[in-house]
C-alpha atoms as a PDB file:
ATOM      1  CA  MET A   1       0.030   0.039  -0.039  1.00  0.00           C
ATOM      2  CA  ASN A   2       2.814   2.381   0.822  1.00  0.00           C
ATOM      3  CA  ASN A   3       4.343   1.981  -2.648  1.00  0.00           C
ATOM      4  CA  ILE A   4       1.028   2.841  -4.254  1.00  0.00           C
ATOM      5  CA  VAL A   5       1.083   6.171  -2.645  1.00  0.00           C
ATOM      6  CA  LYS A   6       4.680   6.888  -3.648  1.00  0.00           C
ATOM      7  CA  PHE A   7       4.156   6.069  -7.311  1.00  0.00           C
ATOM      8  CA  PRO A   8       1.717   8.953  -8.095  1.00  0.00           C
ATOM      9  CA  VAL A   9       3.919  11.424  -6.224  1.00  0.00           C
ATOM     10  CA  VAL A  10       6.951  10.400  -8.239  1.00  0.00           C
ATOM     11  CA  LEU A  11       4.966  10.413 -11.417  1.00  0.00           C
ATOM     12  CA  LEU A  12       3.692  13.902 -10.619  1.00  0.00           C
ATOM     13  CA  PHE A  13       7.283  15.171 -10.208  1.00  0.00           C
ATOM     14  CA  VAL A  14       8.308  13.544 -13.473  1.00  0.00           C
ATOM     15  CA  LEU A  15       5.375  14.907 -15.337  1.00  0.00           C
ATOM     16  CA  THR A  16       5.612  18.422 -13.984  1.00  0.00           C
ATOM     17  CA  GLY A  17       9.468  18.586 -14.255  1.00  0.00           C
ATOM     18  CA  CYS A  18       9.777  19.437 -10.573  1.00  0.00           C
ATOM     19  CA  THR A  19      13.274  18.649  -9.389  1.00  0.00           C
ATOM     20  CA  GLU A  20      15.100  20.076  -6.416  1.00  0.00           C
ATOM     21  CA  THR A  21      18.155  22.152  -7.210  1.00  0.00           C
ATOM     22  CA  SER A  22      21.198  21.200  -5.140  1.00  0.00           C
ATOM     23  CA  PRO A  23      23.211  23.837  -3.277  1.00  0.00           C
ATOM     24  CA  GLU A  24      26.156  23.183  -5.688  1.00  0.00           C
ATOM     25  CA  GLN A  25      23.919  23.845  -8.667  1.00  0.00           C
ATOM     26  CA  LEU A  26      22.616  27.037  -7.001  1.00  0.00           C
ATOM     27  CA  LYS A  27      26.197  28.214  -6.399  1.00  0.00           C
ATOM     28  CA  GLU A  28      26.836  27.741 -10.140  1.00  0.00           C
ATOM     29  CA  ILE A  29      23.594  29.468 -11.254  1.00  0.00           C
ATOM     30  CA  TYR A  30      24.249  32.453  -8.915  1.00  0.00           C
ATOM     31  CA  SER A  31      28.075  32.594  -9.649  1.00  0.00           C
ATOM     32  CA  VAL A  32      28.707  32.458  -5.863  1.00  0.00           C
ATOM     33  CA  SER A  33      32.126  33.254  -4.516  1.00  0.00           C
ATOM     34  CA  ARG A  34      33.426  33.388  -0.950  1.00  0.00           C
ATOM     35  CA  LEU A  35      34.910  36.646   0.159  1.00  0.00           C
ATOM     36  CA  SER A  36      37.952  37.054   2.498  1.00  0.00           C
ATOM     37  CA  ASN A  37      35.709  38.080   5.448  1.00  0.00           C
ATOM     38  CA  GLY A  38      33.753  34.806   5.201  1.00  0.00           C
ATOM     39  CA  SER A  39      30.634  36.266   3.529  1.00  0.00           C
ATOM     40  CA  TYR A  40      29.538  35.502  -0.018  1.00  0.00           C
ATOM     41  CA  SER A  41      29.035  37.434  -3.220  1.00  0.00           C
ATOM     42  CA  ALA A  42      26.475  36.236  -5.829  1.00  0.00           C
ATOM     43  CA  MET A  43      25.419  37.482  -9.213  1.00  0.00           C
ATOM     44  CA  ILE A  44      22.604  36.513 -11.566  1.00  0.00           C
ATOM     45  CA  GLU A  45      21.202  37.955 -14.815  1.00  0.00           C
ATOM     46  CA  VAL A  46      17.473  38.121 -15.043  1.00  0.00           C
ATOM     47  CA  ARG A  47      14.936  39.684 -17.411  1.00  0.00           C
ATOM     48  CA  GLU A  48      14.311  43.253 -16.362  1.00  0.00           C
ATOM     49  CA  ASN A  49      10.584  42.652 -15.778  1.00  0.00           C
ATOM     50  CA  HIS A  50      11.454  39.781 -13.347  1.00  0.00           C
ATOM     51  CA  ALA A  51      13.850  41.770 -11.202  1.00  0.00           C
ATOM     52  CA  SER A  52      11.201  42.796  -8.654  1.00  0.00           C
ATOM     53  CA  GLN A  53      10.445  39.176  -7.949  1.00  0.00           C
ATOM     54  CA  GLN A  54      14.052  37.962  -7.875  1.00  0.00           C
ATOM     55  CA  ASP A  55      14.776  38.884  -4.262  1.00  0.00           C
ATOM     56  CA  LYS A  56      12.425  36.202  -2.840  1.00  0.00           C
ATOM     57  CA  PHE A  57      13.986  33.541  -5.178  1.00  0.00           C
ATOM     58  CA  SER A  58      17.492  34.686  -4.258  1.00  0.00           C
ATOM     59  CA  GLN A  59      16.666  34.534  -0.520  1.00  0.00           C
ATOM     60  CA  SER A  60      15.448  30.948  -0.895  1.00  0.00           C
ATOM     61  CA  ALA A  61      18.518  30.042  -2.942  1.00  0.00           C
ATOM     62  CA  PHE A  62      20.853  31.546  -0.319  1.00  0.00           C
ATOM     63  CA  ASN A  63      19.018  29.742   2.502  1.00  0.00           C
ATOM     64  CA  GLU A  64      19.577  26.477   0.508  1.00  0.00           C
ATOM     65  CA  ILE A  65      23.265  27.248  -0.098  1.00  0.00           C
ATOM     66  CA  CYS A  66      23.757  27.980   3.613  1.00  0.00           C
ATOM     67  CA  GLY A  67      21.770  25.021   4.733  1.00  0.00           C
ATOM     68  CA  GLY A  68      19.834  27.399   6.997  1.00  0.00           C
ATOM     69  CA  PRO A  69      18.976  31.081   7.270  1.00  0.00           C
ATOM     70  CA  ALA A  70      20.934  33.507   5.157  1.00  0.00           C
ATOM     71  CA  ALA A  71      21.007  37.312   5.562  1.00  0.00           C
ATOM     72  CA  ILE A  72      21.268  39.489   2.425  1.00  0.00           C
ATOM     73  CA  THR A  73      23.715  42.194   3.314  1.00  0.00           C
ATOM     74  CA  SER A  74      23.762  44.098   0.025  1.00  0.00           C
ATOM     75  CA  ARG A  75      21.974  44.257  -3.294  1.00  0.00           C
ATOM     76  CA  THR A  76      22.735  46.149  -6.463  1.00  0.00           C
ATOM     77  CA  VAL A  77      20.948  46.145  -9.849  1.00  0.00           C
ATOM     78  CA  SER A  78      22.731  47.128 -13.026  1.00  0.00           C
ATOM     79  CA  ALA A  79      21.315  49.323 -15.738  1.00  0.00           C
ATOM     80  CA  PRO A  80      19.218  47.349 -18.249  1.00  0.00           C
ATOM     81  CA  PHE A  81      21.121  45.767 -21.160  1.00  0.00           C
ATOM     82  CA  ASN A  82      19.951  43.772 -24.167  1.00  0.00           C
ATOM     83  CA  LYS A  83      20.634  40.120 -24.133  1.00  0.00           C
ATOM     84  CA  GLN A  84      19.879  37.913 -27.090  1.00  0.00           C
ATOM     85  CA  THR A  85      17.474  35.144 -26.289  1.00  0.00           C
ATOM     86  CA  THR A  86      15.447  32.755 -28.461  1.00  0.00           C
ATOM     87  CA  TYR A  87      11.762  33.265 -28.957  1.00  0.00           C
ATOM     88  CA  THR A  88       9.950  29.995 -29.679  1.00  0.00           C
ATOM     89  CA  GLN A  89       6.392  30.072 -30.987  1.00  0.00           C
ATOM     90  CA  ARG A  90       4.263  26.949 -30.622  1.00  0.00           C
ATOM     91  CA  THR A  91       0.790  26.174 -31.895  1.00  0.00           C
ATOM     92  CA  TRP A  92      -1.618  23.351 -31.255  1.00  0.00           C
ATOM     93  CA  ASN A  93      -1.582  20.706 -33.982  1.00  0.00           C
ATOM     94  CA  PRO A  94      -4.782  18.588 -33.753  1.00  0.00           C
ATOM     95  CA  ALA A  95      -3.397  16.035 -36.160  1.00  0.00           C
ATOM     96  CA  VAL A  96      -0.759  15.002 -33.578  1.00  0.00           C
ATOM     97  CA  GLY A  97      -2.631  16.212 -30.460  1.00  0.00           C
ATOM     98  CA  GLN A  98       0.170  18.367 -29.140  1.00  0.00           C
ATOM     99  CA  LEU A  99       1.907  21.720 -29.320  1.00  0.00           C
ATOM    100  CA  VAL A 100       4.466  21.883 -32.164  1.00  0.00           C
ATOM    101  CA  GLN A 101       7.087  24.519 -32.743  1.00  0.00           C
ATOM    102  CA  THR A 102       6.121  26.762 -35.611  1.00  0.00           C
ATOM    103  CA  ALA A 103       8.859  29.490 -35.344  1.00  0.00           C
ATOM    104  CA  SER A 104      12.008  30.194 -33.520  1.00  0.00           C
ATOM    105  CA  PHE A 105      14.117  33.323 -33.840  1.00  0.00           C
ATOM    106  CA  PRO A 106      16.541  35.491 -31.804  1.00  0.00           C
ATOM    107  CA  VAL A 107      15.227  38.578 -29.995  1.00  0.00           C
ATOM    108  CA  ASN A 108      16.891  41.178 -27.820  1.00  0.00           C
ATOM    109  CA  THR A 109      15.375  41.079 -24.284  1.00  0.00           C
ATOM    110  CA  PRO A 110      16.131  43.700 -21.644  1.00  0.00           C
ATOM    111  CA  HIS A 111      18.015  42.078 -18.757  1.00  0.00           C
ATOM    112  CA  VAL A 112      19.617  43.366 -15.492  1.00  0.00           C
ATOM    113  CA  ARG A 113      22.574  41.961 -13.544  1.00  0.00           C
ATOM    114  CA  MET A 114      21.710  41.579  -9.867  1.00  0.00           C
ATOM    115  CA  THR A 115      24.631  41.355  -7.420  1.00  0.00           C
ATOM    116  CA  TYR A 116      24.078  40.284  -3.795  1.00  0.00           C
ATOM    117  CA  GLY A 117      26.167  39.995  -0.678  1.00  0.00           C
ATOM    118  CA  PHE A 118      24.956  37.489   1.882  1.00  0.00           C
ATOM    119  CA  GLU A 119      26.055  35.767   5.040  1.00  0.00           C
ATOM    120  CA  CYS A 120      25.125  32.414   6.533  1.00  0.00           C
ATOM    121  CA  SER A 121      23.743  32.535  10.099  1.00  0.00           C
END
């Protein structure tokens, strides 16, 4: 009976693409480096329109990296700059019953570079 409950949960994670990101992966994503005073510096590039939401994601990532509470000690946001990304358009194809890619082309998207200082408690 216990295995029956586990199977749908595992299937849900596989189907939704939910996987936990390890502290080591987060360090790479955020370009984390340790400073001489024992605190950390982190930098991430995000779309300009996502910058206001990034602080809560960064706080969660820093907590995960620290293995406990982290305190953000500084935060700077660069001026916006264009970064080339790929726009992919998909449309529903009833013949195959799924979304199919109909176009893909490069676009310049405004990004900002967010730099944080944080300490582990």
